Amino acid sequence: MEQQQFYVYTLKCRDGKYYIGRTKNLEDRLSRHRAKQVSYTAPRLPVELVTYRVFFDEYKAVLFEQYLKTGSGRAFAKRHFY
């Protein structure tokens, strides 16, 4: 049996802002962003996938996403991802 994967991803928007999200299906989620089905990114298209991390524990994925949305998490992401 295949283990469920959870993705924490970062998109760079046209206006230079970053979007951090979490999903079980990265390809589908990116398609939804590009189809203007996500309110934050719809007016900021096109978006570019900057990075993603794969987790096999949903709780750890949630914690990492929440961390990246904090001040220290943003500083971490700037140093390591962008």
PDB file of N, CA and C in Angstrom:
ATOM      1  N   MET A   1       0.838  -1.191   0.000  1.00  0.00           N
ATOM      2  CA  MET A   1       0.000   0.000   0.000  1.00  0.00           C
ATOM      3  C   MET A   1       0.880   1.251   0.000  1.00  0.00           C
ATOM      4  N   GLU A   2       0.553   2.176  -0.883  1.00  0.00           N
ATOM      5  CA  GLU A   2       1.322   3.402  -0.993  1.00  0.00           C
ATOM      6  C   GLU A   2       0.974   4.356   0.140  1.00  0.00           C
ATOM      7  N   GLN A   3       2.013   4.976   0.686  1.00  0.00           N
ATOM      8  CA  GLN A   3       1.824   5.919   1.786  1.00  0.00           C
ATOM      9  C   GLN A   3       1.365   7.274   1.243  1.00  0.00           C
ATOM     10  N   GLN A   4       0.412   7.900   1.921  1.00  0.00           N
ATOM     11  CA  GLN A   4      -0.104   9.222   1.524  1.00  0.00           C
ATOM     12  C   GLN A   4       0.990  10.272   1.647  1.00  0.00           C
ATOM     13  N   GLN A   5       1.062  11.129   0.649  1.00  0.00           N
ATOM     14  CA  GLN A   5       2.027  12.226   0.669  1.00  0.00           C
ATOM     15  C   GLN A   5       1.302  13.555   0.844  1.00  0.00           C
ATOM     16  N   PHE A   6       1.968  14.465   1.530  1.00  0.00           N
ATOM     17  CA  PHE A   6       1.450  15.809   1.756  1.00  0.00           C
ATOM     18  C   PHE A   6       2.534  16.782   1.307  1.00  0.00           C
ATOM     19  N   TYR A   7       2.131  17.819   0.598  1.00  0.00           N
ATOM     20  CA  TYR A   7       3.070  18.778   0.039  1.00  0.00           C
ATOM     21  C   TYR A   7       2.870  20.146   0.666  1.00  0.00           C
ATOM     22  N   VAL A   8       3.970  20.783   1.015  1.00  0.00           N
ATOM     23  CA  VAL A   8       3.972  22.191   1.404  1.00  0.00           C
ATOM     24  C   VAL A   8       4.746  22.891   0.299  1.00  0.00           C
ATOM     25  N   TYR A   9       4.120  23.874  -0.328  1.00  0.00           N
ATOM     26  CA  TYR A   9       4.711  24.469  -1.525  1.00  0.00           C
ATOM     27  C   TYR A   9       4.699  25.991  -1.445  1.00  0.00           C
ATOM     28  N   THR A  10       5.582  26.588  -2.237  1.00  0.00           N
ATOM     29  CA  THR A  10       5.660  28.043  -2.325  1.00  0.00           C
ATOM     30  C   THR A  10       5.569  28.448  -3.783  1.00  0.00           C
ATOM     31  N   LEU A  11       4.712  29.418  -4.047  1.00  0.00           N
ATOM     32  CA  LEU A  11       4.582  29.991  -5.383  1.00  0.00           C
ATOM     33  C   LEU A  11       5.045  31.435  -5.348  1.00  0.00           C
ATOM     34  N   LYS A  12       5.682  31.865  -6.416  1.00  0.00           N
ATOM     35  CA  LYS A  12       6.003  33.278  -6.568  1.00  0.00           C
ATOM     36  C   LYS A  12       5.011  33.856  -7.565  1.00  0.00           C
ATOM     37  N   CYS A  13       4.333  34.906  -7.162  1.00  0.00           N
ATOM     38  CA  CYS A  13       3.310  35.538  -8.000  1.00  0.00           C
ATOM     39  C   CYS A  13       3.936  36.624  -8.878  1.00  0.00           C
ATOM     40  N   ARG A  14       3.196  37.024  -9.878  1.00  0.00           N
ATOM     41  CA  ARG A  14       3.640  38.054 -10.821  1.00  0.00           C
ATOM     42  C   ARG A  14       4.068  39.332 -10.107  1.00  0.00           C
ATOM     43  N   ASP A  15       3.370  39.684  -9.035  1.00  0.00           N
ATOM     44  CA  ASP A  15       3.676  40.927  -8.319  1.00  0.00           C
ATOM     45  C   ASP A  15       4.828  40.784  -7.323  1.00  0.00           C
ATOM     46  N   GLY A  16       5.486  39.607  -7.318  1.00  0.00           N
ATOM     47  CA  GLY A  16       6.634  39.395  -6.437  1.00  0.00           C
ATOM     48  C   GLY A  16       6.284  38.840  -5.072  1.00  0.00           C
ATOM     49  N   LYS A  17       4.987  38.734  -4.769  1.00  0.00           N
ATOM     50  CA  LYS A  17       4.570  38.173  -3.485  1.00  0.00           C
ATOM     51  C   LYS A  17       4.639  36.649  -3.557  1.00  0.00           C
ATOM     52  N   TYR A  18       4.730  36.040  -2.377  1.00  0.00           N
ATOM     53  CA  TYR A  18       4.805  34.585  -2.292  1.00  0.00           C
ATOM     54  C   TYR A  18       3.541  34.026  -1.669  1.00  0.00           C
ATOM     55  N   TYR A  19       3.156  32.851  -2.131  1.00  0.00           N
ATOM     56  CA  TYR A  19       1.997  32.143  -1.599  1.00  0.00           C
ATOM     57  C   TYR A  19       2.507  30.817  -1.057  1.00  0.00           C
ATOM     58  N   ILE A  20       2.172  30.501   0.180  1.00  0.00           N
ATOM     59  CA  ILE A  20       2.554  29.236   0.799  1.00  0.00           C
ATOM     60  C   ILE A  20       1.289  28.429   1.014  1.00  0.00           C
ATOM     61  N   GLY A  21       1.305  27.185   0.574  1.00  0.00           N
ATOM     62  CA  GLY A  21       0.123  26.342   0.707  1.00  0.00           C
ATOM     63  C   GLY A  21       0.483  24.902   1.002  1.00  0.00           C
ATOM     64  N   ARG A  22      -0.561  24.112   1.232  1.00  0.00           N
ATOM     65  CA  ARG A  22      -0.407  22.692   1.549  1.00  0.00           C
ATOM     66  C   ARG A  22      -1.478  21.928   0.802  1.00  0.00           C
ATOM     67  N   THR A  23      -1.108  20.751   0.292  1.00  0.00           N
ATOM     68  CA  THR A  23      -2.059  19.954  -0.482  1.00  0.00           C
ATOM     69  C   THR A  23      -1.661  18.485  -0.476  1.00  0.00           C
ATOM     70  N   LYS A  24      -2.610  17.641  -0.836  1.00  0.00           N
ATOM     71  CA  LYS A  24      -2.327  16.211  -1.018  1.00  0.00           C
ATOM     72  C   LYS A  24      -1.998  15.915  -2.478  1.00  0.00           C
ATOM     73  N   ASN A  25      -2.409  16.810  -3.383  1.00  0.00           N
ATOM     74  CA  ASN A  25      -2.204  16.586  -4.816  1.00  0.00           C
ATOM     75  C   ASN A  25      -1.625  17.870  -5.419  1.00  0.00           C
ATOM     76  N   LEU A  26      -0.322  17.901  -5.574  1.00  0.00           N
ATOM     77  CA  LEU A  26       0.348  19.124  -6.012  1.00  0.00           C
ATOM     78  C   LEU A  26      -0.025  19.513  -7.439  1.00  0.00           C
ATOM     79  N   GLU A  27      -0.074  18.554  -8.346  1.00  0.00           N
ATOM     80  CA  GLU A  27      -0.415  18.871  -9.743  1.00  0.00           C
ATOM     81  C   GLU A  27      -1.812  19.476  -9.854  1.00  0.00           C
ATOM     82  N   ASP A  28      -2.770  18.883  -9.160  1.00  0.00           N
ATOM     83  CA  ASP A  28      -4.142  19.412  -9.193  1.00  0.00           C
ATOM     84  C   ASP A  28      -4.201  20.809  -8.585  1.00  0.00           C
ATOM     85  N   ARG A  29      -3.503  21.003  -7.488  1.00  0.00           N
ATOM     86  CA  ARG A  29      -3.531  22.306  -6.817  1.00  0.00           C
ATOM     87  C   ARG A  29      -2.912  23.384  -7.703  1.00  0.00           C
ATOM     88  N   LEU A  30      -1.803  23.068  -8.373  1.00  0.00           N
ATOM     89  CA  LEU A  30      -1.192  24.037  -9.283  1.00  0.00           C
ATOM     90  C   LEU A  30      -2.134  24.361 -10.435  1.00  0.00           C
ATOM     91  N   SER A  31      -2.837  23.356 -10.937  1.00  0.00           N
ATOM     92  CA  SER A  31      -3.822  23.595 -12.004  1.00  0.00           C
ATOM     93  C   SER A  31      -4.914  24.538 -11.534  1.00  0.00           C
ATOM     94  N   ARG A  32      -5.357  24.360 -10.297  1.00  0.00           N
ATOM     95  CA  ARG A  32      -6.400  25.235  -9.746  1.00  0.00           C
ATOM     96  C   ARG A  32      -5.896  26.673  -9.597  1.00  0.00           C
ATOM     97  N   HIS A  33      -4.638  26.833  -9.176  1.00  0.00           N
ATOM     98  CA  HIS A  33      -4.069  28.181  -9.102  1.00  0.00           C
ATOM     99  C   HIS A  33      -4.076  28.819 -10.490  1.00  0.00           C
ATOM    100  N   ARG A  34      -3.595  28.088 -11.474  1.00  0.00           N
ATOM    101  CA  ARG A  34      -3.454  28.633 -12.826  1.00  0.00           C
ATOM    102  C   ARG A  34      -4.788  28.858 -13.527  1.00  0.00           C
ATOM    103  N   ALA A  35      -5.839  28.192 -13.055  1.00  0.00           N
ATOM    104  CA  ALA A  35      -7.182  28.360 -13.620  1.00  0.00           C
ATOM    105  C   ALA A  35      -7.973  29.439 -12.885  1.00  0.00           C
ATOM    106  N   LYS A  36      -7.297  30.229 -12.069  1.00  0.00           N
ATOM    107  CA  LYS A  36      -7.912  31.332 -11.309  1.00  0.00           C
ATOM    108  C   LYS A  36      -8.970  30.851 -10.317  1.00  0.00           C
ATOM    109  N   GLN A  37      -8.788  29.656  -9.772  1.00  0.00           N
ATOM    110  CA  GLN A  37      -9.739  29.112  -8.802  1.00  0.00           C
ATOM    111  C   GLN A  37      -9.304  29.333  -7.357  1.00  0.00           C
ATOM    112  N   VAL A  38      -8.179  30.022  -7.164  1.00  0.00           N
ATOM    113  CA  VAL A  38      -7.685  30.336  -5.822  1.00  0.00           C
ATOM    114  C   VAL A  38      -7.691  31.856  -5.702  1.00  0.00           C
ATOM    115  N   SER A  39      -8.468  32.372  -4.773  1.00  0.00           N
ATOM    116  CA  SER A  39      -8.710  33.816  -4.714  1.00  0.00           C
ATOM    117  C   SER A  39      -7.436  34.647  -4.524  1.00  0.00           C
ATOM    118  N   TYR A  40      -6.484  34.184  -3.725  1.00  0.00           N
ATOM    119  CA  TYR A  40      -5.273  34.985  -3.491  1.00  0.00           C
ATOM    120  C   TYR A  40      -4.431  35.109  -4.748  1.00  0.00           C
ATOM    121  N   THR A  41      -4.274  34.019  -5.490  1.00  0.00           N
ATOM    122  CA  THR A  41      -3.377  34.044  -6.642  1.00  0.00           C
ATOM    123  C   THR A  41      -4.063  34.444  -7.944  1.00  0.00           C
ATOM    124  N   ALA A  42      -5.379  34.383  -8.014  1.00  0.00           N
ATOM    125  CA  ALA A  42      -6.093  34.684  -9.266  1.00  0.00           C
ATOM    126  C   ALA A  42      -5.699  36.043  -9.863  1.00  0.00           C
ATOM    127  N   PRO A  43      -5.657  37.115  -9.086  1.00  0.00           N
ATOM    128  CA  PRO A  43      -5.269  38.406  -9.681  1.00  0.00           C
ATOM    129  C   PRO A  43      -3.755  38.581  -9.812  1.00  0.00           C
ATOM    130  N   ARG A  44      -2.985  37.578  -9.384  1.00  0.00           N
ATOM    131  CA  ARG A  44      -1.523  37.696  -9.376  1.00  0.00           C
ATOM    132  C   ARG A  44      -0.849  36.749 -10.363  1.00  0.00           C
ATOM    133  N   LEU A  45      -1.611  36.230 -11.307  1.00  0.00           N
ATOM    134  CA  LEU A  45      -1.061  35.294 -12.293  1.00  0.00           C
ATOM    135  C   LEU A  45      -0.152  36.019 -13.271  1.00  0.00           C
ATOM    136  N   PRO A  46       0.839  35.353 -13.825  1.00  0.00           N
ATOM    137  CA  PRO A  46       1.134  33.931 -13.628  1.00  0.00           C
ATOM    138  C   PRO A  46       1.873  33.687 -12.313  1.00  0.00           C
ATOM    139  N   VAL A  47       1.835  32.442 -11.865  1.00  0.00           N
ATOM    140  CA  VAL A  47       2.563  32.030 -10.680  1.00  0.00           C
ATOM    141  C   VAL A  47       3.628  31.019 -11.096  1.00  0.00           C
ATOM    142  N   GLU A  48       4.685  30.974 -10.309  1.00  0.00           N
ATOM    143  CA  GLU A  48       5.791  30.058 -10.567  1.00  0.00           C
ATOM    144  C   GLU A  48       6.038  29.228  -9.316  1.00  0.00           C
ATOM    145  N   LEU A  49       6.124  27.924  -9.461  1.00  0.00           N
ATOM    146  CA  LEU A  49       6.442  27.053  -8.333  1.00  0.00           C
ATOM    147  C   LEU A  49       7.904  27.270  -7.969  1.00  0.00           C
ATOM    148  N   VAL A  50       8.153  27.708  -6.739  1.00  0.00           N
ATOM    149  CA  VAL A  50       9.510  27.985  -6.280  1.00  0.00           C
ATOM    150  C   VAL A  50      10.108  26.744  -5.637  1.00  0.00           C
ATOM    151  N   THR A  51       9.359  26.143  -4.734  1.00  0.00           N
ATOM    152  CA  THR A  51       9.843  24.971  -4.020  1.00  0.00           C
ATOM    153  C   THR A  51       8.666  24.203  -3.434  1.00  0.00           C
ATOM    154  N   TYR A  52       8.917  22.946  -3.141  1.00  0.00           N
ATOM    155  CA  TYR A  52       7.941  22.163  -2.395  1.00  0.00           C
ATOM    156  C   TYR A  52       8.682  21.130  -1.565  1.00  0.00           C
ATOM    157  N   ARG A  53       8.067  20.727  -0.484  1.00  0.00           N
ATOM    158  CA  ARG A  53       8.592  19.694   0.393  1.00  0.00           C
ATOM    159  C   ARG A  53       7.523  18.628   0.538  1.00  0.00           C
ATOM    160  N   VAL A  54       7.962  17.385   0.594  1.00  0.00           N
ATOM    161  CA  VAL A  54       7.046  16.247   0.717  1.00  0.00           C
ATOM    162  C   VAL A  54       7.114  15.724   2.142  1.00  0.00           C
ATOM    163  N   PHE A  55       5.938  15.484   2.715  1.00  0.00           N
ATOM    164  CA  PHE A  55       5.824  14.916   4.059  1.00  0.00           C
ATOM    165  C   PHE A  55       4.963  13.664   3.986  1.00  0.00           C
ATOM    166  N   PHE A  56       5.259  12.709   4.843  1.00  0.00           N
ATOM    167  CA  PHE A  56       4.433  11.502   4.944  1.00  0.00           C
ATOM    168  C   PHE A  56       3.596  11.533   6.216  1.00  0.00           C
ATOM    169  N   ASP A  57       3.701  12.632   6.936  1.00  0.00           N
ATOM    170  CA  ASP A  57       2.941  12.852   8.168  1.00  0.00           C
ATOM    171  C   ASP A  57       2.200  14.181   8.001  1.00  0.00           C
ATOM    172  N   GLU A  58       0.876  14.127   7.945  1.00  0.00           N
ATOM    173  CA  GLU A  58       0.091  15.341   7.701  1.00  0.00           C
ATOM    174  C   GLU A  58       0.311  16.382   8.790  1.00  0.00           C
ATOM    175  N   TYR A  59       0.433  15.943  10.021  1.00  0.00           N
ATOM    176  CA  TYR A  59       0.637  16.872  11.132  1.00  0.00           C
ATOM    177  C   TYR A  59       1.934  17.667  10.943  1.00  0.00           C
ATOM    178  N   LYS A  60       3.002  17.007  10.512  1.00  0.00           N
ATOM    179  CA  LYS A  60       4.271  17.696  10.279  1.00  0.00           C
ATOM    180  C   LYS A  60       4.149  18.678   9.118  1.00  0.00           C
ATOM    181  N   ALA A  61       3.375  18.316   8.104  1.00  0.00           N
ATOM    182  CA  ALA A  61       3.146  19.226   6.975  1.00  0.00           C
ATOM    183  C   ALA A  61       2.408  20.479   7.443  1.00  0.00           C
ATOM    184  N   VAL A  62       1.398  20.301   8.262  1.00  0.00           N
ATOM    185  CA  VAL A  62       0.635  21.440   8.795  1.00  0.00           C
ATOM    186  C   VAL A  62       1.555  22.348   9.616  1.00  0.00           C
ATOM    187  N   LEU A  63       2.364  21.746  10.475  1.00  0.00           N
ATOM    188  CA  LEU A  63       3.273  22.538  11.303  1.00  0.00           C
ATOM    189  C   LEU A  63       4.285  23.300  10.456  1.00  0.00           C
ATOM    190  N   PHE A  64       4.818  22.670   9.414  1.00  0.00           N
ATOM    191  CA  PHE A  64       5.803  23.338   8.562  1.00  0.00           C
ATOM    192  C   PHE A  64       5.157  24.489   7.801  1.00  0.00           C
ATOM    193  N   GLU A  65       3.943  24.271   7.286  1.00  0.00           N
ATOM    194  CA  GLU A  65       3.238  25.355   6.592  1.00  0.00           C
ATOM    195  C   GLU A  65       3.006  26.533   7.540  1.00  0.00           C
ATOM    196  N   GLN A  66       2.548  26.241   8.736  1.00  0.00           N
ATOM    197  CA  GLN A  66       2.306  27.304   9.716  1.00  0.00           C
ATOM    198  C   GLN A  66       3.600  28.036  10.056  1.00  0.00           C
ATOM    199  N   TYR A  67       4.685  27.290  10.198  1.00  0.00           N
ATOM    200  CA  TYR A  67       5.979  27.908  10.505  1.00  0.00           C
ATOM    201  C   TYR A  67       6.406  28.856   9.384  1.00  0.00           C
ATOM    202  N   LEU A  68       6.277  28.429   8.127  1.00  0.00           N
ATOM    203  CA  LEU A  68       6.694  29.275   7.009  1.00  0.00           C
ATOM    204  C   LEU A  68       5.898  30.569   6.932  1.00  0.00           C
ATOM    205  N   LYS A  69       4.732  30.606   7.556  1.00  0.00           N
ATOM    206  CA  LYS A  69       3.897  31.808   7.538  1.00  0.00           C
ATOM    207  C   LYS A  69       4.182  32.742   8.713  1.00  0.00           C
ATOM    208  N   THR A  70       5.172  32.384   9.542  1.00  0.00           N
ATOM    209  CA  THR A  70       5.576  33.251  10.655  1.00  0.00           C
ATOM    210  C   THR A  70       6.754  34.109  10.212  1.00  0.00           C
ATOM    211  N   GLY A  71       7.111  35.081  11.018  1.00  0.00           N
ATOM    212  CA  GLY A  71       8.260  35.935  10.706  1.00  0.00           C
ATOM    213  C   GLY A  71       9.552  35.149  10.574  1.00  0.00           C
ATOM    214  N   SER A  72       9.831  34.277  11.532  1.00  0.00           N
ATOM    215  CA  SER A  72      11.073  33.496  11.457  1.00  0.00           C
ATOM    216  C   SER A  72      11.011  32.482  10.322  1.00  0.00           C
ATOM    217  N   GLY A  73       9.829  31.963  10.029  1.00  0.00           N
ATOM    218  CA  GLY A  73       9.664  31.039   8.913  1.00  0.00           C
ATOM    219  C   GLY A  73       9.897  31.725   7.579  1.00  0.00           C
ATOM    220  N   ARG A  74       9.442  32.955   7.450  1.00  0.00           N
ATOM    221  CA  ARG A  74       9.682  33.716   6.221  1.00  0.00           C
ATOM    222  C   ARG A  74      11.174  33.997   6.046  1.00  0.00           C
ATOM    223  N   ALA A  75      11.858  34.313   7.152  1.00  0.00           N
ATOM    224  CA  ALA A  75      13.305  34.540   7.087  1.00  0.00           C
ATOM    225  C   ALA A  75      14.018  33.242   6.686  1.00  0.00           C
ATOM    226  N   PHE A  76      13.590  32.126   7.245  1.00  0.00           N
ATOM    227  CA  PHE A  76      14.152  30.828   6.884  1.00  0.00           C
ATOM    228  C   PHE A  76      13.961  30.557   5.391  1.00  0.00           C
ATOM    229  N   ALA A  77      12.753  30.763   4.901  1.00  0.00           N
ATOM    230  CA  ALA A  77      12.453  30.518   3.490  1.00  0.00           C
ATOM    231  C   ALA A  77      13.283  31.428   2.588  1.00  0.00           C
ATOM    232  N   LYS A  78      13.439  32.667   2.981  1.00  0.00           N
ATOM    233  CA  LYS A  78      14.228  33.609   2.180  1.00  0.00           C
ATOM    234  C   LYS A  78      15.681  33.157   2.069  1.00  0.00           C
ATOM    235  N   ARG A  79      16.219  32.645   3.168  1.00  0.00           N
ATOM    236  CA  ARG A  79      17.613  32.177   3.178  1.00  0.00           C
ATOM    237  C   ARG A  79      17.781  30.887   2.369  1.00  0.00           C
ATOM    238  N   HIS A  80      16.800  30.002   2.416  1.00  0.00           N
ATOM    239  CA  HIS A  80      16.990  28.660   1.880  1.00  0.00           C
ATOM    240  C   HIS A  80      16.261  28.368   0.565  1.00  0.00           C
ATOM    241  N   PHE A  81      15.207  29.097   0.243  1.00  0.00           N
ATOM    242  CA  PHE A  81      14.388  28.752  -0.914  1.00  0.00           C
ATOM    243  C   PHE A  81      14.423  29.768  -2.040  1.00  0.00           C
ATOM    244  N   TYR A  82      14.523  31.058  -1.736  1.00  0.00           N
ATOM    245  CA  TYR A  82      14.326  32.076  -2.763  1.00  0.00           C
ATOM    246  C   TYR A  82      15.649  32.625  -3.263  1.00  0.00           C
TER     247      TYR A  82
END
